[in-house]
Amino acid sequence: VQSEKKLLRDVLKVGDVYFNTGDLLLLDRRGFLYFHDHIGDTFRYRS
């Protein structure tokens, strides 16, 4: 299944599971996540 390939396991601790959306997040010392960018197959247009 395609969605199974997008699952990331044991990222921060054993047993956790994350879905890889292509979003790049930053985790600070307090445990807060912040959106930073989107990576992967995106289309960007410049005029």
PDB file of N, CA and C in Angstrom:
ATOM      1  N   VAL A   1       0.856  -1.188   0.000  1.00  0.00           N
ATOM      2  CA  VAL A   1       0.000   0.000   0.000  1.00  0.00           C
ATOM      3  C   VAL A   1       0.895   1.242   0.000  1.00  0.00           C
ATOM      4  N   GLN A   2       0.545   2.246  -0.812  1.00  0.00           N
ATOM      5  CA  GLN A   2       1.342   3.465  -0.927  1.00  0.00           C
ATOM      6  C   GLN A   2       1.465   4.206   0.396  1.00  0.00           C
ATOM      7  N   SER A   3       0.373   4.310   1.154  1.00  0.00           N
ATOM      8  CA  SER A   3       0.425   5.075   2.404  1.00  0.00           C
ATOM      9  C   SER A   3       1.344   4.420   3.434  1.00  0.00           C
ATOM     10  N   GLU A   4       1.493   3.116   3.376  1.00  0.00           N
ATOM     11  CA  GLU A   4       2.389   2.415   4.304  1.00  0.00           C
ATOM     12  C   GLU A   4       3.838   2.844   4.092  1.00  0.00           C
ATOM     13  N   LYS A   5       4.210   3.178   2.859  1.00  0.00           N
ATOM     14  CA  LYS A   5       5.568   3.622   2.553  1.00  0.00           C
ATOM     15  C   LYS A   5       5.865   4.995   3.145  1.00  0.00           C
ATOM     16  N   LYS A   6       4.824   5.767   3.466  1.00  0.00           N
ATOM     17  CA  LYS A   6       4.994   7.117   4.005  1.00  0.00           C
ATOM     18  C   LYS A   6       5.102   7.126   5.531  1.00  0.00           C
ATOM     19  N   LEU A   7       4.966   5.971   6.168  1.00  0.00           N
ATOM     20  CA  LEU A   7       5.048   5.903   7.622  1.00  0.00           C
ATOM     21  C   LEU A   7       6.502   5.862   8.073  1.00  0.00           C
ATOM     22  N   LEU A   8       6.833   6.698   9.034  1.00  0.00           N
ATOM     23  CA  LEU A   8       8.169   6.729   9.630  1.00  0.00           C
ATOM     24  C   LEU A   8       8.048   6.219  11.059  1.00  0.00           C
ATOM     25  N   ARG A   9       8.810   5.221  11.378  1.00  0.00           N
ATOM     26  CA  ARG A   9       8.707   4.587  12.703  1.00  0.00           C
ATOM     27  C   ARG A   9       9.963   4.852  13.528  1.00  0.00           C
ATOM     28  N   ASP A  10       9.757   4.926  14.839  1.00  0.00           N
ATOM     29  CA  ASP A  10      10.859   5.086  15.803  1.00  0.00           C
ATOM     30  C   ASP A  10      11.693   6.331  15.504  1.00  0.00           C
ATOM     31  N   VAL A  11      11.044   7.447  15.251  1.00  0.00           N
ATOM     32  CA  VAL A  11      11.737   8.694  14.906  1.00  0.00           C
ATOM     33  C   VAL A  11      12.330   9.350  16.146  1.00  0.00           C
ATOM     34  N   LEU A  12      11.505   9.626  17.131  1.00  0.00           N
ATOM     35  CA  LEU A  12      11.971  10.275  18.356  1.00  0.00           C
ATOM     36  C   LEU A  12      12.120   9.295  19.512  1.00  0.00           C
ATOM     37  N   LYS A  13      11.314   8.235  19.480  1.00  0.00           N
ATOM     38  CA  LYS A  13      11.431   7.190  20.498  1.00  0.00           C
ATOM     39  C   LYS A  13      10.888   5.890  19.926  1.00  0.00           C
ATOM     40  N   VAL A  14      11.269   4.793  20.491  1.00  0.00           N
ATOM     41  CA  VAL A  14      10.835   3.482  20.024  1.00  0.00           C
ATOM     42  C   VAL A  14       9.320   3.373  20.161  1.00  0.00           C
ATOM     43  N   GLY A  15       8.674   2.973  19.074  1.00  0.00           N
ATOM     44  CA  GLY A  15       7.231   2.769  19.088  1.00  0.00           C
ATOM     45  C   GLY A  15       6.424   3.906  18.486  1.00  0.00           C
ATOM     46  N   ASP A  16       7.057   5.059  18.241  1.00  0.00           N
ATOM     47  CA  ASP A  16       6.286   6.156  17.653  1.00  0.00           C
ATOM     48  C   ASP A  16       6.163   5.968  16.141  1.00  0.00           C
ATOM     49  N   VAL A  17       5.122   6.553  15.567  1.00  0.00           N
ATOM     50  CA  VAL A  17       4.869   6.463  14.130  1.00  0.00           C
ATOM     51  C   VAL A  17       4.434   7.834  13.640  1.00  0.00           C
ATOM     52  N   TYR A  18       5.060   8.281  12.554  1.00  0.00           N
ATOM     53  CA  TYR A  18       4.712   9.560  11.940  1.00  0.00           C
ATOM     54  C   TYR A  18       4.417   9.331  10.469  1.00  0.00           C
ATOM     55  N   PHE A  19       3.525  10.146   9.913  1.00  0.00           N
ATOM     56  CA  PHE A  19       3.207  10.088   8.487  1.00  0.00           C
ATOM     57  C   PHE A  19       4.017  11.155   7.775  1.00  0.00           C
ATOM     58  N   ASN A  20       4.815  10.757   6.800  1.00  0.00           N
ATOM     59  CA  ASN A  20       5.681  11.677   6.074  1.00  0.00           C
ATOM     60  C   ASN A  20       4.867  12.477   5.062  1.00  0.00           C
ATOM     61  N   THR A  21       4.569  13.736   5.405  1.00  0.00           N
ATOM     62  CA  THR A  21       3.789  14.614   4.530  1.00  0.00           C
ATOM     63  C   THR A  21       4.682  15.447   3.633  1.00  0.00           C
ATOM     64  N   GLY A  22       5.989  15.474   3.911  1.00  0.00           N
ATOM     65  CA  GLY A  22       6.902  16.331   3.169  1.00  0.00           C
ATOM     66  C   GLY A  22       7.113  17.670   3.847  1.00  0.00           C
ATOM     67  N   ASP A  23       6.440  17.885   4.977  1.00  0.00           N
ATOM     68  CA  ASP A  23       6.632  19.122   5.727  1.00  0.00           C
ATOM     69  C   ASP A  23       7.879  19.001   6.590  1.00  0.00           C
ATOM     70  N   LEU A  24       8.678  20.055   6.604  1.00  0.00           N
ATOM     71  CA  LEU A  24       9.881  20.100   7.423  1.00  0.00           C
ATOM     72  C   LEU A  24       9.540  20.868   8.693  1.00  0.00           C
ATOM     73  N   LEU A  25       9.639  20.200   9.831  1.00  0.00           N
ATOM     74  CA  LEU A  25       9.290  20.790  11.119  1.00  0.00           C
ATOM     75  C   LEU A  25      10.528  20.924  11.983  1.00  0.00           C
ATOM     76  N   LEU A  26      10.509  21.903  12.867  1.00  0.00           N
ATOM     77  CA  LEU A  26      11.587  22.091  13.832  1.00  0.00           C
ATOM     78  C   LEU A  26      11.041  21.825  15.223  1.00  0.00           C
ATOM     79  N   LEU A  27      11.785  21.093  16.020  1.00  0.00           N
ATOM     80  CA  LEU A  27      11.406  20.770  17.390  1.00  0.00           C
ATOM     81  C   LEU A  27      12.307  21.554  18.325  1.00  0.00           C
ATOM     82  N   ASP A  28      11.701  22.400  19.184  1.00  0.00           N
ATOM     83  CA  ASP A  28      12.535  23.190  20.096  1.00  0.00           C
ATOM     84  C   ASP A  28      12.789  22.430  21.399  1.00  0.00           C
ATOM     85  N   ARG A  29      13.565  23.024  22.282  1.00  0.00           N
ATOM     86  CA  ARG A  29      13.953  22.371  23.540  1.00  0.00           C
ATOM     87  C   ARG A  29      12.766  22.071  24.442  1.00  0.00           C
ATOM     88  N   ARG A  30      11.678  22.842  24.273  1.00  0.00           N
ATOM     89  CA  ARG A  30      10.491  22.642  25.110  1.00  0.00           C
ATOM     90  C   ARG A  30       9.551  21.581  24.546  1.00  0.00           C
ATOM     91  N   GLY A  31       9.859  21.098  23.336  1.00  0.00           N
ATOM     92  CA  GLY A  31       9.024  20.070  22.727  1.00  0.00           C
ATOM     93  C   GLY A  31       7.975  20.606  21.774  1.00  0.00           C
ATOM     94  N   PHE A  32       8.027  21.908  21.455  1.00  0.00           N
ATOM     95  CA  PHE A  32       7.091  22.496  20.508  1.00  0.00           C
ATOM     96  C   PHE A  32       7.588  22.280  19.082  1.00  0.00           C
ATOM     97  N   LEU A  33       6.659  21.946  18.180  1.00  0.00           N
ATOM     98  CA  LEU A  33       6.983  21.773  16.765  1.00  0.00           C
ATOM     99  C   LEU A  33       6.591  23.023  15.996  1.00  0.00           C
ATOM    100  N   TYR A  34       7.452  23.438  15.072  1.00  0.00           N
ATOM    101  CA  TYR A  34       7.202  24.606  14.237  1.00  0.00           C
ATOM    102  C   TYR A  34       7.365  24.223  12.776  1.00  0.00           C
ATOM    103  N   PHE A  35       6.431  24.694  11.940  1.00  0.00           N
ATOM    104  CA  PHE A  35       6.535  24.475  10.502  1.00  0.00           C
ATOM    105  C   PHE A  35       7.661  25.340   9.964  1.00  0.00           C
ATOM    106  N   HIS A  36       8.544  24.753   9.154  1.00  0.00           N
ATOM    107  CA  HIS A  36       9.665  25.492   8.584  1.00  0.00           C
ATOM    108  C   HIS A  36       9.561  25.594   7.059  1.00  0.00           C
ATOM    109  N   ASP A  37       9.237  24.485   6.397  1.00  0.00           N
ATOM    110  CA  ASP A  37       9.184  24.475   4.938  1.00  0.00           C
ATOM    111  C   ASP A  37       8.501  23.192   4.485  1.00  0.00           C
ATOM    112  N   HIS A  38       8.263  23.095   3.195  1.00  0.00           N
ATOM    113  CA  HIS A  38       7.754  21.863   2.596  1.00  0.00           C
ATOM    114  C   HIS A  38       8.805  21.375   1.606  1.00  0.00           C
ATOM    115  N   ILE A  39       9.177  20.110   1.723  1.00  0.00           N
ATOM    116  CA  ILE A  39      10.188  19.548   0.837  1.00  0.00           C
ATOM    117  C   ILE A  39       9.545  18.472  -0.027  1.00  0.00           C
ATOM    118  N   GLY A  40      10.163  18.180  -1.126  1.00  0.00           N
ATOM    119  CA  GLY A  40       9.639  17.129  -1.989  1.00  0.00           C
ATOM    120  C   GLY A  40       9.164  17.673  -3.307  1.00  0.00           C
ATOM    121  N   ASP A  41       8.168  17.012  -3.850  1.00  0.00           N
ATOM    122  CA  ASP A  41       7.694  17.334  -5.195  1.00  0.00           C
ATOM    123  C   ASP A  41       6.668  18.465  -5.169  1.00  0.00           C
ATOM    124  N   THR A  42       7.153  19.681  -5.033  1.00  0.00           N
ATOM    125  CA  THR A  42       6.273  20.850  -5.044  1.00  0.00           C
ATOM    126  C   THR A  42       6.556  21.676  -6.288  1.00  0.00           C
ATOM    127  N   PHE A  43       5.589  22.437  -6.686  1.00  0.00           N
ATOM    128  CA  PHE A  43       5.741  23.319  -7.836  1.00  0.00           C
ATOM    129  C   PHE A  43       5.840  24.742  -7.331  1.00  0.00           C
ATOM    130  N   ARG A  44       6.912  25.417  -7.675  1.00  0.00           N
ATOM    131  CA  ARG A  44       7.091  26.815  -7.276  1.00  0.00           C
ATOM    132  C   ARG A  44       7.182  27.661  -8.533  1.00  0.00           C
ATOM    133  N   TYR A  45       6.460  28.753  -8.527  1.00  0.00           N
ATOM    134  CA  TYR A  45       6.396  29.622  -9.697  1.00  0.00           C
ATOM    135  C   TYR A  45       6.956  30.989  -9.365  1.00  0.00           C
ATOM    136  N   ARG A  46       7.821  31.484 -10.226  1.00  0.00           N
ATOM    137  CA  ARG A  46       8.349  32.845 -10.090  1.00  0.00           C
ATOM    138  C   ARG A  46       7.896  33.652 -11.290  1.00  0.00           C
ATOM    139  N   SER A  47       7.465  34.868 -11.043  1.00  0.00           N
ATOM    140  CA  SER A  47       7.059  35.715 -12.167  1.00  0.00           C
ATOM    141  C   SER A  47       8.216  36.565 -12.646  1.00  0.00           C
TER     142      SER A  47
END
